[in-house]
Amino acid sequence: MEYDPIAYFRYQCIQPLLEVERGELHLALTKIVGTNPTGPNGRHYTLSRATLMRWLALYRQGGIDALRAKARRDRGSSRRLGG
């Protein structure tokens, strides 16, 4: 697997969740939600409970490869702005 800074960043965010017992997940999530870690692009991100749970589920299904950013479905097509 080639190094992917986004996947690694997401893994670092959920890594504390991987070490807790199932009954302690809620408390561990509470400690992480609202933190502002710095992403690979230098930008600060606010993590939500839903995002962390989605990343955790992806990681459990497919490992770190599942945390890679997906290409947008509309990539390459122009979008009309306004109404």
N, C-alpha and C. Protein backbone atom coordinates (compact mmCIF):
# COMPACT_ATOMS: atom_id res chain seq x y z
N MET A 1 0.85 -1.19 0.00
CA MET A 1 0.00 0.00 0.00
C MET A 1 0.89 1.24 0.00
N GLU A 2 0.54 2.16 -0.84
CA GLU A 2 1.25 3.43 -0.92
C GLU A 2 0.77 4.35 0.21
N TYR A 3 1.70 5.13 0.76
CA TYR A 3 1.36 6.06 1.84
C TYR A 3 0.33 7.07 1.35
N ASP A 4 -0.74 7.23 2.11
CA ASP A 4 -1.79 8.18 1.79
C ASP A 4 -1.97 9.09 3.00
N PRO A 5 -1.61 10.38 2.90
CA PRO A 5 -1.68 11.26 4.07
C PRO A 5 -3.10 11.42 4.62
N ILE A 6 -4.11 11.38 3.78
CA ILE A 6 -5.49 11.52 4.25
C ILE A 6 -5.90 10.29 5.05
N ALA A 7 -5.61 9.11 4.52
CA ALA A 7 -5.95 7.88 5.23
C ALA A 7 -5.21 7.81 6.57
N TYR A 8 -3.95 8.20 6.58
CA TYR A 8 -3.18 8.17 7.81
C TYR A 8 -3.73 9.17 8.83
N PHE A 9 -4.12 10.36 8.36
CA PHE A 9 -4.73 11.37 9.24
C PHE A 9 -6.01 10.82 9.87
N ARG A 10 -6.86 10.21 9.06
CA ARG A 10 -8.11 9.65 9.56
C ARG A 10 -7.85 8.54 10.57
N TYR A 11 -6.84 7.71 10.27
CA TYR A 11 -6.48 6.64 11.21
C TYR A 11 -6.02 7.22 12.54
N GLN A 12 -5.19 8.26 12.49
CA GLN A 12 -4.73 8.89 13.73
C GLN A 12 -5.90 9.42 14.55
N CYS A 13 -6.92 9.92 13.89
CA CYS A 13 -8.09 10.46 14.59
C CYS A 13 -8.88 9.37 15.29
N ILE A 14 -9.01 8.20 14.66
CA ILE A 14 -9.81 7.13 15.25
C ILE A 14 -9.00 6.15 16.09
N GLN A 15 -7.69 6.25 16.05
CA GLN A 15 -6.83 5.29 16.75
C GLN A 15 -7.18 5.14 18.22
N PRO A 16 -7.46 6.22 18.97
CA PRO A 16 -7.85 6.03 20.37
C PRO A 16 -9.14 5.21 20.53
N LEU A 17 -10.01 5.25 19.54
CA LEU A 17 -11.27 4.51 19.60
C LEU A 17 -11.06 3.01 19.42
N LEU A 18 -9.98 2.64 18.78
CA LEU A 18 -9.69 1.23 18.53
C LEU A 18 -9.20 0.52 19.78
N GLU A 19 -8.76 1.29 20.77
CA GLU A 19 -8.16 0.72 21.96
C GLU A 19 -9.12 0.61 23.15
N VAL A 20 -10.36 1.08 22.99
CA VAL A 20 -11.29 1.07 24.12
C VAL A 20 -12.22 -0.12 24.05
N GLU A 21 -12.73 -0.50 25.20
CA GLU A 21 -13.74 -1.55 25.27
C GLU A 21 -15.05 -0.99 24.70
N ARG A 22 -15.89 -1.84 24.23
CA ARG A 22 -17.13 -1.40 23.58
C ARG A 22 -17.97 -0.49 24.47
N GLY A 23 -18.06 -0.75 25.75
CA GLY A 23 -18.85 0.08 26.65
C GLY A 23 -18.25 1.44 26.90
N GLU A 24 -16.98 1.62 26.57
CA GLU A 24 -16.28 2.89 26.79
C GLU A 24 -16.20 3.75 25.53
N LEU A 25 -16.78 3.28 24.44
CA LEU A 25 -16.69 3.99 23.17
C LEU A 25 -17.33 5.38 23.26
N HIS A 26 -18.47 5.47 23.92
CA HIS A 26 -19.17 6.75 24.04
C HIS A 26 -18.28 7.80 24.71
N LEU A 27 -17.63 7.43 25.81
CA LEU A 27 -16.76 8.35 26.52
C LEU A 27 -15.56 8.75 25.66
N ALA A 28 -14.97 7.79 24.97
CA ALA A 28 -13.82 8.08 24.10
C ALA A 28 -14.22 9.03 22.96
N LEU A 29 -15.40 8.81 22.40
CA LEU A 29 -15.90 9.69 21.34
C LEU A 29 -16.09 11.11 21.87
N THR A 30 -16.65 11.23 23.05
CA THR A 30 -16.89 12.54 23.65
C THR A 30 -15.60 13.33 23.81
N LYS A 31 -14.51 12.64 24.11
CA LYS A 31 -13.22 13.31 24.28
C LYS A 31 -12.65 13.81 22.96
N ILE A 32 -12.99 13.14 21.86
CA ILE A 32 -12.43 13.50 20.55
C ILE A 32 -13.30 14.50 19.80
N VAL A 33 -14.63 14.35 19.92
CA VAL A 33 -15.56 15.22 19.19
C VAL A 33 -15.28 16.68 19.54
N GLY A 34 -15.23 17.51 18.53
CA GLY A 34 -15.01 18.93 18.75
C GLY A 34 -13.55 19.33 18.80
N THR A 35 -12.64 18.35 18.81
CA THR A 35 -11.23 18.70 18.77
C THR A 35 -10.91 19.22 17.37
N ASN A 36 -9.83 19.89 17.24
CA ASN A 36 -9.45 20.48 15.95
C ASN A 36 -8.06 20.01 15.53
N PRO A 37 -7.94 18.74 15.11
CA PRO A 37 -6.62 18.28 14.67
C PRO A 37 -6.23 18.93 13.35
N THR A 38 -4.95 19.00 13.12
CA THR A 38 -4.42 19.59 11.89
C THR A 38 -4.29 18.48 10.85
N GLY A 39 -4.91 18.68 9.71
CA GLY A 39 -4.86 17.70 8.63
C GLY A 39 -3.56 17.77 7.86
N PRO A 40 -3.39 16.88 6.90
CA PRO A 40 -2.15 16.83 6.13
C PRO A 40 -1.91 18.09 5.28
N ASN A 41 -2.95 18.86 5.03
CA ASN A 41 -2.82 20.09 4.26
C ASN A 41 -2.58 21.31 5.15
N GLY A 42 -2.45 21.09 6.47
CA GLY A 42 -2.21 22.19 7.40
C GLY A 42 -3.48 22.85 7.92
N ARG A 43 -4.63 22.43 7.41
CA ARG A 43 -5.91 22.98 7.82
C ARG A 43 -6.40 22.30 9.10
N HIS A 44 -7.08 23.04 9.96
CA HIS A 44 -7.65 22.47 11.18
C HIS A 44 -9.06 21.97 10.88
N TYR A 45 -9.37 20.77 11.33
CA TYR A 45 -10.66 20.15 11.09
C TYR A 45 -11.41 19.98 12.41
N THR A 46 -12.71 20.18 12.39
CA THR A 46 -13.56 19.90 13.54
C THR A 46 -14.20 18.54 13.29
N LEU A 47 -13.98 17.62 14.22
CA LEU A 47 -14.47 16.26 14.03
C LEU A 47 -15.83 16.07 14.69
N SER A 48 -16.76 15.51 13.95
CA SER A 48 -18.09 15.23 14.50
C SER A 48 -18.17 13.76 14.88
N ARG A 49 -19.15 13.45 15.71
CA ARG A 49 -19.39 12.07 16.13
C ARG A 49 -19.68 11.19 14.90
N ALA A 50 -20.50 11.70 13.99
CA ALA A 50 -20.89 10.92 12.80
C ALA A 50 -19.67 10.61 11.93
N THR A 51 -18.80 11.59 11.75
CA THR A 51 -17.61 11.39 10.95
C THR A 51 -16.70 10.34 11.58
N LEU A 52 -16.47 10.45 12.88
CA LEU A 52 -15.62 9.48 13.57
C LEU A 52 -16.20 8.08 13.50
N MET A 53 -17.51 7.95 13.67
CA MET A 53 -18.14 6.64 13.60
C MET A 53 -18.06 6.07 12.17
N ARG A 54 -18.22 6.92 11.17
CA ARG A 54 -18.11 6.47 9.78
C ARG A 54 -16.69 5.98 9.49
N TRP A 55 -15.68 6.77 9.92
CA TRP A 55 -14.29 6.36 9.71
C TRP A 55 -13.98 5.08 10.46
N LEU A 56 -14.50 4.93 11.67
CA LEU A 56 -14.28 3.73 12.46
C LEU A 56 -14.88 2.50 11.76
N ALA A 57 -16.09 2.64 11.25
CA ALA A 57 -16.74 1.54 10.54
C ALA A 57 -15.97 1.18 9.27
N LEU A 58 -15.53 2.19 8.52
CA LEU A 58 -14.74 1.93 7.33
C LEU A 58 -13.45 1.19 7.66
N TYR A 59 -12.78 1.64 8.71
CA TYR A 59 -11.52 1.00 9.12
C TYR A 59 -11.76 -0.46 9.52
N ARG A 60 -12.80 -0.71 10.25
CA ARG A 60 -13.09 -2.08 10.70
C ARG A 60 -13.44 -2.98 9.52
N GLN A 61 -14.01 -2.42 8.47
CA GLN A 61 -14.38 -3.22 7.29
C GLN A 61 -13.19 -3.47 6.36
N GLY A 62 -12.34 -2.44 6.20
CA GLY A 62 -11.31 -2.58 5.18
C GLY A 62 -9.93 -2.10 5.54
N GLY A 63 -9.70 -1.82 6.82
CA GLY A 63 -8.38 -1.37 7.23
C GLY A 63 -8.08 0.05 6.76
N ILE A 64 -6.82 0.39 6.78
CA ILE A 64 -6.44 1.77 6.45
C ILE A 64 -6.75 2.12 5.00
N ASP A 65 -6.75 1.13 4.11
CA ASP A 65 -7.10 1.41 2.71
C ASP A 65 -8.51 1.96 2.58
N ALA A 66 -9.41 1.54 3.45
CA ALA A 66 -10.80 2.01 3.39
C ALA A 66 -10.93 3.47 3.81
N LEU A 67 -9.88 4.02 4.44
CA LEU A 67 -9.92 5.42 4.89
C LEU A 67 -9.41 6.39 3.82
N ARG A 68 -9.00 5.86 2.69
CA ARG A 68 -8.54 6.74 1.60
C ARG A 68 -9.70 7.59 1.10
N ALA A 69 -9.38 8.80 0.64
CA ALA A 69 -10.41 9.69 0.10
C ALA A 69 -10.94 9.10 -1.22
N LYS A 70 -12.22 9.16 -1.40
CA LYS A 70 -12.85 8.67 -2.63
C LYS A 70 -12.94 9.82 -3.63
N ALA A 71 -12.80 9.49 -4.91
CA ALA A 71 -12.94 10.51 -5.96
C ALA A 71 -14.41 10.93 -6.04
N ARG A 72 -14.63 12.20 -6.27
CA ARG A 72 -16.00 12.69 -6.42
C ARG A 72 -16.64 12.08 -7.66
N ARG A 73 -17.93 11.80 -7.56
CA ARG A 73 -18.65 11.23 -8.69
C ARG A 73 -18.78 12.22 -9.84
N ASP A 74 -18.82 13.51 -9.51
CA ASP A 74 -18.99 14.52 -10.55
C ASP A 74 -17.66 15.11 -11.01
N ARG A 75 -16.58 14.45 -10.70
CA ARG A 75 -15.26 14.96 -11.08
C ARG A 75 -15.17 15.06 -12.61
N GLY A 76 -14.71 16.19 -13.07
CA GLY A 76 -14.54 16.41 -14.50
C GLY A 76 -15.73 17.03 -15.19
N SER A 77 -16.86 17.11 -14.51
CA SER A 77 -18.02 17.74 -15.13
C SER A 77 -18.23 19.11 -14.50
N SER A 78 -18.73 20.02 -15.30
CA SER A 78 -18.95 21.36 -14.78
C SER A 78 -20.28 21.40 -14.03
N ARG A 79 -20.32 22.26 -13.04
CA ARG A 79 -21.55 22.42 -12.26
C ARG A 79 -22.07 23.82 -12.47
N ARG A 80 -23.36 23.92 -12.58
CA ARG A 80 -23.99 25.22 -12.78
C ARG A 80 -24.21 25.87 -11.43
N LEU A 81 -23.80 27.10 -11.28
CA LEU A 81 -23.99 27.83 -10.05
C LEU A 81 -25.28 28.63 -10.13
N GLY A 82 -25.91 28.81 -8.99
CA GLY A 82 -27.13 29.63 -8.93
C GLY A 82 -28.37 28.80 -9.25
N GLY A 83 -29.43 29.48 -9.55
CA GLY A 83 -30.69 28.76 -9.76
C GLY A 83 -31.21 28.94 -11.07
